[in-house]
Amino acid sequence: MMLRKLGQPLWAALLPNGWSDRAADWTGSDAVLARIGSGYGEALRTRVADPFELGNAVLGPLLHPETATAIRCAGSRAEAVSLLFAAPEFQRR
């Protein structure tokens, strides 16, 4: 369901090249808002003690300093996790 909302339904990639990896195809306001909303919804359901540790575990050296700062300065755990989920380096992973 979430993949469909994000415009990438499971097993429905366009052939022969699959989903686009061009930023212009994913940076429209609707696409960004959908990713943020989905990330926040998942963050509310995720039981993570420390979002920064999650970012390090998942991304390691790919975690950008700007993302790390945003996670540490977030107003709540759910906001920190959703910022991680919405981060460009997480999206590309």
C-alpha atoms as a PDB file:
ATOM      1  CA  MET A   1       0.000   0.000   0.000  1.00  0.00           C
ATOM      2  CA  MET A   2       2.732   2.470   0.939  1.00  0.00           C
ATOM      3  CA  LEU A   3       4.699   1.745  -2.242  1.00  0.00           C
ATOM      4  CA  ARG A   4       1.594   2.447  -4.295  1.00  0.00           C
ATOM      5  CA  LYS A   5       1.138   5.803  -2.528  1.00  0.00           C
ATOM      6  CA  LEU A   6       4.748   6.618  -3.336  1.00  0.00           C
ATOM      7  CA  GLY A   7       4.190   5.848  -7.012  1.00  0.00           C
ATOM      8  CA  GLN A   8       6.173   2.586  -7.042  1.00  0.00           C
ATOM      9  CA  PRO A   9       3.723  -0.307  -6.700  1.00  0.00           C
ATOM     10  CA  LEU A  10       5.424  -3.600  -5.924  1.00  0.00           C
ATOM     11  CA  TRP A  11       6.260  -5.660  -9.045  1.00  0.00           C
ATOM     12  CA  ALA A  12       4.995  -2.889 -11.333  1.00  0.00           C
ATOM     13  CA  ALA A  13       8.191  -1.126 -12.406  1.00  0.00           C
ATOM     14  CA  LEU A  14       8.150   0.198 -15.929  1.00  0.00           C
ATOM     15  CA  LEU A  15      10.080  -1.990 -18.330  1.00  0.00           C
ATOM     16  CA  PRO A  16      12.787  -2.292 -19.475  1.00  0.00           C
ATOM     17  CA  ASN A  17      14.639   0.118 -17.160  1.00  0.00           C
ATOM     18  CA  GLY A  18      12.530   0.049 -13.992  1.00  0.00           C
ATOM     19  CA  TRP A  19      12.021   3.128 -11.854  1.00  0.00           C
ATOM     20  CA  SER A  20      13.820   6.307 -12.797  1.00  0.00           C
ATOM     21  CA  ASP A  21      16.857   7.350 -10.785  1.00  0.00           C
ATOM     22  CA  ARG A  22      16.754  10.959 -12.001  1.00  0.00           C
ATOM     23  CA  ALA A  23      16.119  13.475  -9.225  1.00  0.00           C
ATOM     24  CA  ALA A  24      13.772  15.482 -11.436  1.00  0.00           C
ATOM     25  CA  ASP A  25      11.341  12.549 -11.482  1.00  0.00           C
ATOM     26  CA  TRP A  26      11.113  12.400  -7.681  1.00  0.00           C
ATOM     27  CA  THR A  27      11.539  15.963  -6.445  1.00  0.00           C
ATOM     28  CA  GLY A  28       8.129  17.371  -7.287  1.00  0.00           C
ATOM     29  CA  SER A  29       6.202  18.767  -4.322  1.00  0.00           C
ATOM     30  CA  ASP A  30       3.640  15.935  -4.415  1.00  0.00           C
ATOM     31  CA  ALA A  31       6.359  13.273  -4.401  1.00  0.00           C
ATOM     32  CA  VAL A  32       8.286  14.910  -1.558  1.00  0.00           C
ATOM     33  CA  LEU A  33       5.127  15.369   0.519  1.00  0.00           C
ATOM     34  CA  ALA A  34       4.141  11.730  -0.046  1.00  0.00           C
ATOM     35  CA  ARG A  35       7.572  10.518   1.093  1.00  0.00           C
ATOM     36  CA  ILE A  36       7.500  12.709   4.191  1.00  0.00           C
ATOM     37  CA  GLY A  37       3.979  11.578   5.082  1.00  0.00           C
ATOM     38  CA  SER A  38       4.823   7.916   4.573  1.00  0.00           C
ATOM     39  CA  GLY A  39       8.040   8.263   6.533  1.00  0.00           C
ATOM     40  CA  TYR A  40       6.257   9.913   9.442  1.00  0.00           C
ATOM     41  CA  GLY A  41       3.542   7.252   9.456  1.00  0.00           C
ATOM     42  CA  GLU A  42       6.174   4.519   9.554  1.00  0.00           C
ATOM     43  CA  ALA A  43       8.122   6.413  12.211  1.00  0.00           C
ATOM     44  CA  LEU A  44       5.060   6.435  14.468  1.00  0.00           C
ATOM     45  CA  ARG A  45       4.870   2.627  14.181  1.00  0.00           C
ATOM     46  CA  THR A  46       8.616   2.030  14.545  1.00  0.00           C
ATOM     47  CA  ARG A  47       9.979   1.323  17.987  1.00  0.00           C
ATOM     48  CA  VAL A  48      13.451   2.798  17.849  1.00  0.00           C
ATOM     49  CA  ALA A  49      15.217   3.811  21.030  1.00  0.00           C
ATOM     50  CA  ASP A  50      17.782   6.047  19.327  1.00  0.00           C
ATOM     51  CA  PRO A  51      17.117   7.300  15.770  1.00  0.00           C
ATOM     52  CA  PHE A  52      20.748   8.421  15.400  1.00  0.00           C
ATOM     53  CA  GLU A  53      21.979   4.895  16.165  1.00  0.00           C
ATOM     54  CA  LEU A  54      19.500   3.554  13.608  1.00  0.00           C
ATOM     55  CA  GLY A  55      20.902   5.956  11.013  1.00  0.00           C
ATOM     56  CA  ASN A  56      24.442   4.823  11.771  1.00  0.00           C
ATOM     57  CA  ALA A  57      23.456   1.159  11.672  1.00  0.00           C
ATOM     58  CA  VAL A  58      21.615   1.458   8.349  1.00  0.00           C
ATOM     59  CA  LEU A  59      23.787   3.986   6.527  1.00  0.00           C
ATOM     60  CA  GLY A  60      27.136   3.975   8.321  1.00  0.00           C
ATOM     61  CA  PRO A  61      29.502   6.407   6.582  1.00  0.00           C
ATOM     62  CA  LEU A  62      26.794   7.334   4.057  1.00  0.00           C
ATOM     63  CA  LEU A  63      24.898   9.236   6.790  1.00  0.00           C
ATOM     64  CA  HIS A  64      25.414  12.913   5.888  1.00  0.00           C
ATOM     65  CA  PRO A  65      26.414  15.285   8.694  1.00  0.00           C
ATOM     66  CA  GLU A  66      23.388  17.470   7.874  1.00  0.00           C
ATOM     67  CA  THR A  67      21.056  14.510   8.322  1.00  0.00           C
ATOM     68  CA  ALA A  68      22.750  13.539  11.593  1.00  0.00           C
ATOM     69  CA  THR A  69      22.283  17.090  12.890  1.00  0.00           C
ATOM     70  CA  ALA A  70      18.628  17.147  11.836  1.00  0.00           C
ATOM     71  CA  ILE A  71      18.010  13.822  13.601  1.00  0.00           C
ATOM     72  CA  ARG A  72      19.675  15.046  16.798  1.00  0.00           C
ATOM     73  CA  CYS A  73      17.728  18.348  16.759  1.00  0.00           C
ATOM     74  CA  ALA A  74      14.317  16.844  15.989  1.00  0.00           C
ATOM     75  CA  GLY A  75      11.466  17.662  18.336  1.00  0.00           C
ATOM     76  CA  SER A  76      10.501  14.039  18.949  1.00  0.00           C
ATOM     77  CA  ARG A  77      11.635  10.494  18.301  1.00  0.00           C
ATOM     78  CA  ALA A  78       9.026  10.090  15.540  1.00  0.00           C
ATOM     79  CA  GLU A  79      10.203  13.293  13.847  1.00  0.00           C
ATOM     80  CA  ALA A  80      13.825  12.122  14.039  1.00  0.00           C
ATOM     81  CA  VAL A  81      12.990   8.749  12.486  1.00  0.00           C
ATOM     82  CA  SER A  82      10.886  10.357   9.761  1.00  0.00           C
ATOM     83  CA  LEU A  83      13.760  12.747   8.952  1.00  0.00           C
ATOM     84  CA  LEU A  84      16.024   9.725   8.598  1.00  0.00           C
ATOM     85  CA  PHE A  85      13.517   7.990   6.323  1.00  0.00           C
ATOM     86  CA  ALA A  86      13.149  11.146   4.184  1.00  0.00           C
ATOM     87  CA  ALA A  87      16.897  11.810   3.924  1.00  0.00           C
ATOM     88  CA  PRO A  88      18.318  11.602   0.383  1.00  0.00           C
ATOM     89  CA  GLU A  89      20.948   9.061   1.390  1.00  0.00           C
ATOM     90  CA  PHE A  90      18.276   6.823   2.924  1.00  0.00           C
ATOM     91  CA  GLN A  91      16.031   7.167  -0.122  1.00  0.00           C
ATOM     92  CA  ARG A  92      18.856   6.120  -2.449  1.00  0.00           C
ATOM     93  CA  ARG A  93      19.722   3.132  -0.275  1.00  0.00           C
END
